Amino acid sequence: MMKSKQVTAVTFILFILCISSCRQSPKEGKEEEKPKTVTTSPYPSMSNEEITNLFSITDKVDMIFYNLPMSINQDDAKSAKNTVLYISPAPALMNAPCKALGRLSWISKGAIVKEADIYCDQGCQYFIFMTDNKPVASNAMSESGVVFFNQILSQAAQQRPK
């Protein structure tokens, strides 16, 4: 009879351990899935040399925002060149549900020399460079770029009717 109680107690303990370990496994699996949503871009990054060249030739910039009641044109070469500094040489880290904020066009001598879609949202801070409306490269956005575009979003929010 004593052995019967011991076997029952051991069986009960094993049962509790089994149930508790089964409950922890799904939680661990979910925690591991979160980092998988952030991936490096499938497109190559623009090199430091390409970014430097873009800086040297840019004299104007146009920014057209897809869902904001504004656009920005910078005709001052110094301000236009400053937008090139928003491009980090680091590769872009992408999240699947990100949407482009708008299109940034760098202009030299009246011609568009480089275009990029702007991504500036929580977890989405990068540029995807386009040629003939097709993605060809991507780079992370620098901290100064994030600050700039967040200011634009803030200004746009203040202009919207409440």
N, C-alpha and C. Protein backbone atom coordinates (compact mmCIF):
# COMPACT_ATOMS: atom_id res chain seq x y z
N MET A 1 0.83 -1.18 0.00
CA MET A 1 0.00 0.00 0.00
C MET A 1 0.87 1.24 0.00
N MET A 2 2.01 1.17 0.70
CA MET A 2 2.93 2.31 0.75
C MET A 2 3.51 2.56 -0.63
N LYS A 3 3.85 1.47 -1.36
CA LYS A 3 4.39 1.61 -2.70
C LYS A 3 3.35 2.22 -3.62
N SER A 4 2.12 1.90 -3.46
CA SER A 4 1.05 2.44 -4.28
C SER A 4 0.94 3.95 -4.11
N LYS A 5 1.06 4.45 -2.87
CA LYS A 5 1.00 5.90 -2.63
C LYS A 5 2.22 6.59 -3.22
N GLN A 6 3.38 5.95 -3.11
CA GLN A 6 4.60 6.56 -3.66
C GLN A 6 4.53 6.64 -5.19
N VAL A 7 4.04 5.57 -5.80
CA VAL A 7 3.91 5.55 -7.26
C VAL A 7 2.91 6.61 -7.70
N THR A 8 1.83 6.74 -6.96
CA THR A 8 0.82 7.75 -7.28
C THR A 8 1.41 9.16 -7.13
N ALA A 9 2.16 9.39 -6.08
CA ALA A 9 2.77 10.70 -5.85
C ALA A 9 3.79 11.01 -6.95
N VAL A 10 4.62 10.05 -7.30
CA VAL A 10 5.62 10.25 -8.35
C VAL A 10 4.92 10.49 -9.68
N THR A 11 3.89 9.74 -9.98
CA THR A 11 3.14 9.91 -11.21
C THR A 11 2.51 11.31 -11.27
N PHE A 12 1.97 11.75 -10.16
CA PHE A 12 1.35 13.08 -10.08
C PHE A 12 2.40 14.18 -10.33
N ILE A 13 3.56 14.03 -9.71
CA ILE A 13 4.64 15.02 -9.89
C ILE A 13 5.10 15.03 -11.35
N LEU A 14 5.28 13.86 -11.93
CA LEU A 14 5.67 13.79 -13.34
C LEU A 14 4.61 14.42 -14.24
N PHE A 15 3.37 14.18 -13.92
CA PHE A 15 2.26 14.76 -14.69
C PHE A 15 2.30 16.29 -14.63
N ILE A 16 2.50 16.86 -13.44
CA ILE A 16 2.58 18.32 -13.27
C ILE A 16 3.78 18.88 -14.04
N LEU A 17 4.93 18.22 -13.94
CA LEU A 17 6.13 18.68 -14.66
C LEU A 17 5.91 18.64 -16.17
N CYS A 18 5.26 17.60 -16.63
CA CYS A 18 4.99 17.46 -18.06
C CYS A 18 4.08 18.58 -18.56
N ILE A 19 3.03 18.87 -17.81
CA ILE A 19 2.10 19.94 -18.19
C ILE A 19 2.78 21.30 -18.17
N SER A 20 3.54 21.55 -17.12
CA SER A 20 4.20 22.86 -17.02
C SER A 20 5.25 23.03 -18.12
N SER A 21 5.95 21.99 -18.50
CA SER A 21 6.95 22.11 -19.57
C SER A 21 6.26 22.28 -20.91
N CYS A 22 5.11 21.69 -21.10
CA CYS A 22 4.38 21.87 -22.35
C CYS A 22 3.89 23.30 -22.50
N ARG A 23 3.50 23.91 -21.45
CA ARG A 23 3.01 25.29 -21.50
C ARG A 23 4.14 26.27 -21.80
N GLN A 24 5.36 26.02 -21.37
CA GLN A 24 6.47 26.93 -21.61
C GLN A 24 6.96 26.87 -23.04
N SER A 25 6.86 25.77 -23.70
CA SER A 25 7.38 25.63 -25.05
C SER A 25 6.75 26.61 -26.04
N PRO A 26 5.42 26.77 -26.08
CA PRO A 26 4.87 27.72 -27.04
C PRO A 26 5.33 29.15 -26.77
N LYS A 27 5.49 29.53 -25.50
CA LYS A 27 5.94 30.89 -25.19
C LYS A 27 7.34 31.11 -25.74
N GLU A 28 8.21 30.11 -25.55
CA GLU A 28 9.57 30.24 -26.05
C GLU A 28 9.57 30.33 -27.56
N GLY A 29 8.71 29.60 -28.22
CA GLY A 29 8.63 29.64 -29.67
C GLY A 29 8.18 31.01 -30.16
N LYS A 30 7.24 31.63 -29.48
CA LYS A 30 6.75 32.94 -29.87
C LYS A 30 7.83 34.00 -29.69
N GLU A 31 8.60 33.91 -28.63
CA GLU A 31 9.67 34.88 -28.40
C GLU A 31 10.73 34.78 -29.49
N GLU A 32 10.97 33.58 -29.98
CA GLU A 32 11.97 33.39 -31.02
C GLU A 32 11.47 33.92 -32.36
N GLU A 33 10.16 33.96 -32.60
CA GLU A 33 9.62 34.41 -33.87
C GLU A 33 9.78 35.92 -34.05
N LYS A 34 9.76 36.72 -33.00
CA LYS A 34 9.82 38.18 -33.12
C LYS A 34 11.04 38.65 -33.89
N PRO A 35 12.25 38.20 -33.57
CA PRO A 35 13.40 38.68 -34.32
C PRO A 35 13.38 38.29 -35.80
N LYS A 36 12.65 37.25 -36.15
CA LYS A 36 12.60 36.82 -37.54
C LYS A 36 11.90 37.83 -38.43
N THR A 37 11.08 38.74 -37.90
CA THR A 37 10.37 39.71 -38.73
C THR A 37 11.31 40.81 -39.22
N VAL A 38 12.44 41.01 -38.57
CA VAL A 38 13.41 42.00 -39.00
C VAL A 38 14.49 41.28 -39.79
N THR A 39 14.66 41.70 -41.05
CA THR A 39 15.65 41.08 -41.90
C THR A 39 16.49 42.15 -42.58
N THR A 40 17.64 41.77 -43.04
CA THR A 40 18.41 42.70 -43.84
C THR A 40 17.78 42.76 -45.23
N SER A 41 17.99 43.86 -45.88
CA SER A 41 17.41 44.10 -47.19
C SER A 41 17.90 43.09 -48.22
N PRO A 42 17.03 42.72 -49.15
CA PRO A 42 17.49 41.85 -50.24
C PRO A 42 18.29 42.63 -51.29
N TYR A 43 18.32 43.96 -51.15
CA TYR A 43 19.04 44.81 -52.11
C TYR A 43 20.39 45.21 -51.53
N PRO A 44 21.38 45.40 -52.39
CA PRO A 44 22.68 45.84 -51.89
C PRO A 44 22.61 47.28 -51.38
N SER A 45 23.55 47.65 -50.54
CA SER A 45 23.63 49.02 -50.03
C SER A 45 24.45 49.87 -50.98
N MET A 46 24.11 51.15 -51.02
CA MET A 46 24.97 52.08 -51.75
C MET A 46 26.27 52.20 -50.96
N SER A 47 27.38 52.28 -51.64
CA SER A 47 28.68 52.36 -50.98
C SER A 47 28.95 53.79 -50.51
N ASN A 48 29.95 53.92 -49.65
CA ASN A 48 30.39 55.25 -49.21
C ASN A 48 30.75 56.12 -50.41
N GLU A 49 31.40 55.53 -51.39
CA GLU A 49 31.81 56.27 -52.59
C GLU A 49 30.58 56.81 -53.34
N GLU A 50 29.55 55.98 -53.49
CA GLU A 50 28.32 56.42 -54.17
C GLU A 50 27.63 57.54 -53.39
N ILE A 51 27.60 57.41 -52.07
CA ILE A 51 26.97 58.43 -51.23
C ILE A 51 27.76 59.73 -51.32
N THR A 52 29.08 59.64 -51.29
CA THR A 52 29.94 60.82 -51.40
C THR A 52 29.74 61.50 -52.76
N ASN A 53 29.67 60.72 -53.81
CA ASN A 53 29.44 61.26 -55.15
C ASN A 53 28.08 61.96 -55.22
N LEU A 54 27.06 61.33 -54.64
CA LEU A 54 25.73 61.95 -54.63
C LEU A 54 25.77 63.28 -53.89
N PHE A 55 26.47 63.32 -52.77
CA PHE A 55 26.63 64.56 -52.01
C PHE A 55 27.27 65.65 -52.86
N SER A 56 28.32 65.29 -53.60
CA SER A 56 29.06 66.30 -54.36
C SER A 56 28.27 66.87 -55.53
N ILE A 57 27.38 66.09 -56.14
CA ILE A 57 26.67 66.58 -57.32
C ILE A 57 25.28 67.14 -57.04
N THR A 58 24.71 66.86 -55.87
CA THR A 58 23.34 67.30 -55.57
C THR A 58 23.28 68.81 -55.39
N ASP A 59 22.30 69.44 -56.09
CA ASP A 59 22.08 70.87 -55.88
C ASP A 59 20.63 71.20 -55.55
N LYS A 60 19.74 70.24 -55.73
CA LYS A 60 18.32 70.43 -55.38
C LYS A 60 17.74 69.09 -54.92
N VAL A 61 16.64 69.19 -54.19
CA VAL A 61 15.94 67.99 -53.72
C VAL A 61 14.44 68.23 -53.79
N ASP A 62 13.71 67.20 -54.19
CA ASP A 62 12.24 67.21 -54.13
C ASP A 62 11.81 66.03 -53.27
N MET A 63 10.86 66.28 -52.37
CA MET A 63 10.27 65.21 -51.56
C MET A 63 8.76 65.26 -51.75
N ILE A 64 8.22 64.19 -52.23
CA ILE A 64 6.78 64.08 -52.40
C ILE A 64 6.30 63.02 -51.43
N PHE A 65 5.38 63.42 -50.55
CA PHE A 65 4.86 62.51 -49.53
C PHE A 65 3.54 61.92 -50.01
N TYR A 66 3.39 60.62 -49.88
CA TYR A 66 2.24 59.92 -50.42
C TYR A 66 0.94 60.24 -49.70
N ASN A 67 0.96 60.36 -48.39
CA ASN A 67 -0.29 60.56 -47.64
C ASN A 67 -0.25 61.77 -46.73
N LEU A 68 0.60 62.73 -47.04
CA LEU A 68 0.68 63.95 -46.25
C LEU A 68 0.28 65.14 -47.12
N PRO A 69 -0.29 66.16 -46.52
CA PRO A 69 -0.75 67.32 -47.30
C PRO A 69 0.38 68.30 -47.62
N MET A 70 1.55 67.79 -48.01
CA MET A 70 2.68 68.67 -48.29
C MET A 70 3.70 67.97 -49.17
N SER A 71 4.57 68.78 -49.75
CA SER A 71 5.77 68.30 -50.41
C SER A 71 6.87 69.30 -50.08
N ILE A 72 8.11 68.91 -50.29
CA ILE A 72 9.23 69.79 -49.94
C ILE A 72 10.15 69.89 -51.16
N ASN A 73 10.52 71.11 -51.49
CA ASN A 73 11.49 71.38 -52.55
C ASN A 73 12.61 72.19 -51.91
N GLN A 74 13.82 71.69 -52.02
CA GLN A 74 14.97 72.42 -51.49
C GLN A 74 15.83 72.85 -52.68
N ASP A 75 15.81 74.17 -52.96
CA ASP A 75 16.58 74.73 -54.06
C ASP A 75 17.96 75.19 -53.62
N ASP A 76 18.17 75.27 -52.31
CA ASP A 76 19.45 75.67 -51.75
C ASP A 76 20.37 74.44 -51.75
N ALA A 77 21.52 74.56 -52.41
CA ALA A 77 22.43 73.41 -52.54
C ALA A 77 22.87 72.87 -51.18
N LYS A 78 23.13 73.76 -50.23
CA LYS A 78 23.58 73.30 -48.91
C LYS A 78 22.50 72.44 -48.24
N SER A 79 21.25 72.89 -48.27
CA SER A 79 20.15 72.11 -47.68
C SER A 79 19.94 70.81 -48.45
N ALA A 80 20.04 70.88 -49.76
CA ALA A 80 19.86 69.68 -50.59
C ALA A 80 20.94 68.64 -50.28
N LYS A 81 22.18 69.11 -50.15
CA LYS A 81 23.28 68.19 -49.83
C LYS A 81 23.09 67.57 -48.45
N ASN A 82 22.49 68.33 -47.55
CA ASN A 82 22.25 67.83 -46.19
C ASN A 82 21.38 66.58 -46.21
N THR A 83 20.45 66.48 -47.16
CA THR A 83 19.58 65.30 -47.22
C THR A 83 20.37 64.04 -47.56
N VAL A 84 21.51 64.20 -48.26
CA VAL A 84 22.34 63.04 -48.56
C VAL A 84 22.91 62.46 -47.27
N LEU A 85 23.12 63.33 -46.29
CA LEU A 85 23.66 62.87 -45.00
C LEU A 85 22.65 62.02 -44.23
N TYR A 86 21.41 61.98 -44.68
CA TYR A 86 20.39 61.13 -44.05
C TYR A 86 20.58 59.66 -44.45
N ILE A 87 21.44 59.41 -45.43
CA ILE A 87 21.71 58.04 -45.89
C ILE A 87 22.88 57.48 -45.08
N SER A 88 22.62 56.41 -44.38
CA SER A 88 23.69 55.72 -43.66
C SER A 88 24.31 54.69 -44.61
N PRO A 89 25.62 54.47 -44.54
CA PRO A 89 26.20 53.42 -45.39
C PRO A 89 25.83 52.01 -44.94
N ALA A 90 25.18 51.89 -43.80
CA ALA A 90 24.80 50.58 -43.27
C ALA A 90 23.64 49.99 -44.09
N PRO A 91 23.57 48.66 -44.16
CA PRO A 91 22.44 48.03 -44.86
C PRO A 91 21.14 48.27 -44.10
N ALA A 92 20.05 48.31 -44.84
CA ALA A 92 18.74 48.52 -44.25
C ALA A 92 18.26 47.27 -43.53
N LEU A 93 17.62 47.48 -42.36
CA LEU A 93 16.92 46.41 -41.67
C LEU A 93 15.44 46.64 -41.93
N MET A 94 14.77 45.63 -42.43
CA MET A 94 13.39 45.80 -42.90
C MET A 94 12.41 44.99 -42.09
N ASN A 95 11.23 45.57 -41.92
CA ASN A 95 10.07 44.88 -41.34
C ASN A 95 9.04 44.73 -42.44
N ALA A 96 8.42 43.61 -42.52
CA ALA A 96 7.48 43.33 -43.61
C ALA A 96 6.34 44.35 -43.74
N PRO A 97 5.70 44.80 -42.67
CA PRO A 97 4.52 45.65 -42.87
C PRO A 97 4.81 47.14 -43.10
N CYS A 98 6.03 47.53 -43.40
CA CYS A 98 6.37 48.95 -43.56
C CYS A 98 5.83 49.52 -44.88
N LYS A 99 5.39 50.76 -44.82
CA LYS A 99 4.90 51.45 -46.01
C LYS A 99 5.75 52.69 -46.24
N ALA A 100 5.98 53.00 -47.50
CA ALA A 100 6.78 54.16 -47.85
C ALA A 100 6.06 55.45 -47.46
N LEU A 101 6.82 56.38 -46.89
CA LEU A 101 6.31 57.69 -46.52
C LEU A 101 6.22 58.58 -47.75
N GLY A 102 7.16 58.44 -48.66
CA GLY A 102 7.17 59.25 -49.86
C GLY A 102 8.37 58.94 -50.72
N ARG A 103 8.61 59.81 -51.71
CA ARG A 103 9.73 59.65 -52.63
C ARG A 103 10.63 60.87 -52.55
N LEU A 104 11.92 60.62 -52.41
CA LEU A 104 12.93 61.68 -52.35
C LEU A 104 13.74 61.62 -53.63
N SER A 105 13.85 62.76 -54.32
CA SER A 105 14.61 62.84 -55.57
C SER A 105 15.75 63.82 -55.39
N TRP A 106 16.98 63.35 -55.65
CA TRP A 106 18.15 64.22 -55.63
C TRP A 106 18.39 64.68 -57.05
N ILE A 107 18.59 65.99 -57.22
CA ILE A 107 18.68 66.61 -58.55
C ILE A 107 20.03 67.30 -58.70
N SER A 108 20.60 67.15 -59.89
CA SER A 108 21.84 67.84 -60.24
C SER A 108 21.70 68.44 -61.62
N LYS A 109 21.89 69.74 -61.71
CA LYS A 109 21.81 70.46 -62.99
C LYS A 109 20.48 70.20 -63.69
N GLY A 110 19.41 70.16 -62.93
CA GLY A 110 18.06 70.02 -63.48
C GLY A 110 17.61 68.60 -63.76
N ALA A 111 18.46 67.62 -63.55
CA ALA A 111 18.10 66.22 -63.82
C ALA A 111 18.11 65.41 -62.53
N ILE A 112 17.16 64.50 -62.41
CA ILE A 112 17.12 63.59 -61.26
C ILE A 112 18.26 62.60 -61.41
N VAL A 113 19.14 62.57 -60.40
CA VAL A 113 20.28 61.65 -60.44
C VAL A 113 20.09 60.43 -59.55
N LYS A 114 19.19 60.54 -58.58
CA LYS A 114 18.93 59.41 -57.68
C LYS A 114 17.56 59.61 -57.06
N GLU A 115 16.81 58.52 -56.92
CA GLU A 115 15.51 58.56 -56.26
C GLU A 115 15.44 57.44 -55.24
N ALA A 116 14.71 57.71 -54.15
CA ALA A 116 14.54 56.68 -53.12
C ALA A 116 13.18 56.82 -52.47
N ASP A 117 12.58 55.69 -52.15
CA ASP A 117 11.39 55.70 -51.30
C ASP A 117 11.87 55.85 -49.86
N ILE A 118 11.14 56.65 -49.11
CA ILE A 118 11.47 56.97 -47.72
C ILE A 118 10.64 56.08 -46.80
N TYR A 119 11.30 55.41 -45.88
CA TYR A 119 10.62 54.61 -44.86
C TYR A 119 11.04 55.16 -43.50
N CYS A 120 10.08 55.74 -42.80
CA CYS A 120 10.41 56.32 -41.49
C CYS A 120 9.24 56.11 -40.54
N ASP A 121 9.20 54.92 -39.98
CA ASP A 121 8.16 54.55 -39.03
C ASP A 121 8.84 53.71 -37.96
N GLN A 122 8.11 53.36 -36.93
CA GLN A 122 8.68 52.54 -35.86
C GLN A 122 9.21 51.24 -36.46
N GLY A 123 10.50 51.02 -36.35
CA GLY A 123 11.11 49.81 -36.88
C GLY A 123 11.37 49.84 -38.38
N CYS A 124 11.08 50.93 -39.03
CA CYS A 124 11.26 51.07 -40.48
C CYS A 124 11.95 52.39 -40.76
N GLN A 125 13.24 52.39 -40.79
CA GLN A 125 13.99 53.63 -40.97
C GLN A 125 15.09 53.41 -41.99
N TYR A 126 14.71 53.52 -43.25
CA TYR A 126 15.64 53.25 -44.32
C TYR A 126 15.15 53.88 -45.63
N PHE A 127 16.00 53.82 -46.64
CA PHE A 127 15.68 54.27 -47.99
C PHE A 127 15.79 53.07 -48.92
N ILE A 128 14.88 52.98 -49.87
CA ILE A 128 15.00 52.01 -50.96
C ILE A 128 15.18 52.83 -52.23
N PHE A 129 16.34 52.68 -52.85
CA PHE A 129 16.69 53.44 -54.05
C PHE A 129 16.07 52.78 -55.27
N MET A 130 15.55 53.63 -56.14
CA MET A 130 14.78 53.16 -57.29
C MET A 130 15.46 53.59 -58.60
N THR A 131 15.38 52.71 -59.59
CA THR A 131 15.75 53.03 -60.96
C THR A 131 14.62 52.51 -61.83
N ASP A 132 14.02 53.38 -62.61
CA ASP A 132 12.85 53.02 -63.42
C ASP A 132 11.75 52.41 -62.57
N ASN A 133 11.53 52.99 -61.38
CA ASN A 133 10.50 52.53 -60.43
C ASN A 133 10.71 51.11 -59.94
N LYS A 134 11.94 50.62 -59.99
CA LYS A 134 12.26 49.29 -59.48
C LYS A 134 13.34 49.44 -58.41
N PRO A 135 13.22 48.71 -57.31
CA PRO A 135 14.23 48.80 -56.25
C PRO A 135 15.57 48.24 -56.72
N VAL A 136 16.64 49.00 -56.42
CA VAL A 136 17.98 48.55 -56.82
C VAL A 136 18.97 48.54 -55.66
N ALA A 137 18.68 49.30 -54.61
CA ALA A 137 19.58 49.37 -53.45
C ALA A 137 18.78 49.84 -52.24
N SER A 138 19.36 49.64 -51.06
CA SER A 138 18.72 50.14 -49.84
C SER A 138 19.78 50.43 -48.80
N ASN A 139 19.53 51.47 -48.04
CA ASN A 139 20.45 51.84 -46.96
C ASN A 139 19.63 52.24 -45.75
N ALA A 140 20.22 52.05 -44.59
CA ALA A 140 19.60 52.50 -43.35
C ALA A 140 19.54 54.03 -43.36
N MET A 141 18.64 54.57 -42.57
CA MET A 141 18.53 56.02 -42.41
C MET A 141 19.35 56.43 -41.18
N SER A 142 20.09 57.52 -41.32
CA SER A 142 20.88 58.02 -40.20
C SER A 142 19.96 58.61 -39.14
N GLU A 143 20.48 58.81 -37.95
CA GLU A 143 19.68 59.38 -36.86
C GLU A 143 19.18 60.78 -37.23
N SER A 144 20.01 61.57 -37.92
CA SER A 144 19.58 62.92 -38.33
C SER A 144 18.42 62.83 -39.32
N GLY A 145 18.41 61.83 -40.16
CA GLY A 145 17.30 61.62 -41.09
C GLY A 145 16.02 61.25 -40.36
N VAL A 146 16.15 60.38 -39.37
CA VAL A 146 14.98 59.99 -38.57
C VAL A 146 14.39 61.22 -37.88
N VAL A 147 15.25 62.05 -37.30
CA VAL A 147 14.78 63.28 -36.63
C VAL A 147 14.08 64.18 -37.64
N PHE A 148 14.69 64.39 -38.80
CA PHE A 148 14.11 65.26 -39.83
C PHE A 148 12.72 64.78 -40.25
N PHE A 149 12.61 63.51 -40.61
CA PHE A 149 11.34 63.00 -41.10
C PHE A 149 10.29 62.92 -39.99
N ASN A 150 10.69 62.67 -38.77
CA ASN A 150 9.73 62.72 -37.66
C ASN A 150 9.21 64.13 -37.44
N GLN A 151 10.05 65.15 -37.67
CA GLN A 151 9.59 66.53 -37.59
C GLN A 151 8.57 66.82 -38.69
N ILE A 152 8.82 66.30 -39.88
CA ILE A 152 7.87 66.47 -40.99
C ILE A 152 6.53 65.83 -40.62
N LEU A 153 6.58 64.62 -40.08
CA LEU A 153 5.34 63.94 -39.68
C LEU A 153 4.61 64.72 -38.59
N SER A 154 5.35 65.28 -37.66
CA SER A 154 4.76 66.08 -36.59
C SER A 154 4.09 67.33 -37.14
N GLN A 155 4.75 68.01 -38.06
CA GLN A 155 4.18 69.20 -38.69
C GLN A 155 2.92 68.86 -39.47
N ALA A 156 2.95 67.75 -40.18
CA ALA A 156 1.79 67.33 -40.96
C ALA A 156 0.61 67.01 -40.04
N ALA A 157 0.88 66.39 -38.91
CA ALA A 157 -0.18 66.05 -37.95
C ALA A 157 -0.83 67.33 -37.41
N GLN A 158 -0.04 68.38 -37.21
CA GLN A 158 -0.59 69.66 -36.70
C GLN A 158 -1.43 70.35 -37.75
N GLN A 159 -1.15 70.12 -39.04
CA GLN A 159 -1.90 70.77 -40.11
C GLN A 159 -3.23 70.09 -40.41
N ARG A 160 -3.35 68.85 -40.03
CA ARG A 160 -4.58 68.12 -40.30
C ARG A 160 -5.71 68.64 -39.44
N PRO A 161 -6.93 68.71 -39.98
CA PRO A 161 -8.07 69.13 -39.18
C PRO A 161 -8.35 68.14 -38.05
N LYS A 162 -8.75 68.68 -36.92
CA LYS A 162 -9.02 67.82 -35.74
C LYS A 162 -10.45 67.47 -35.61
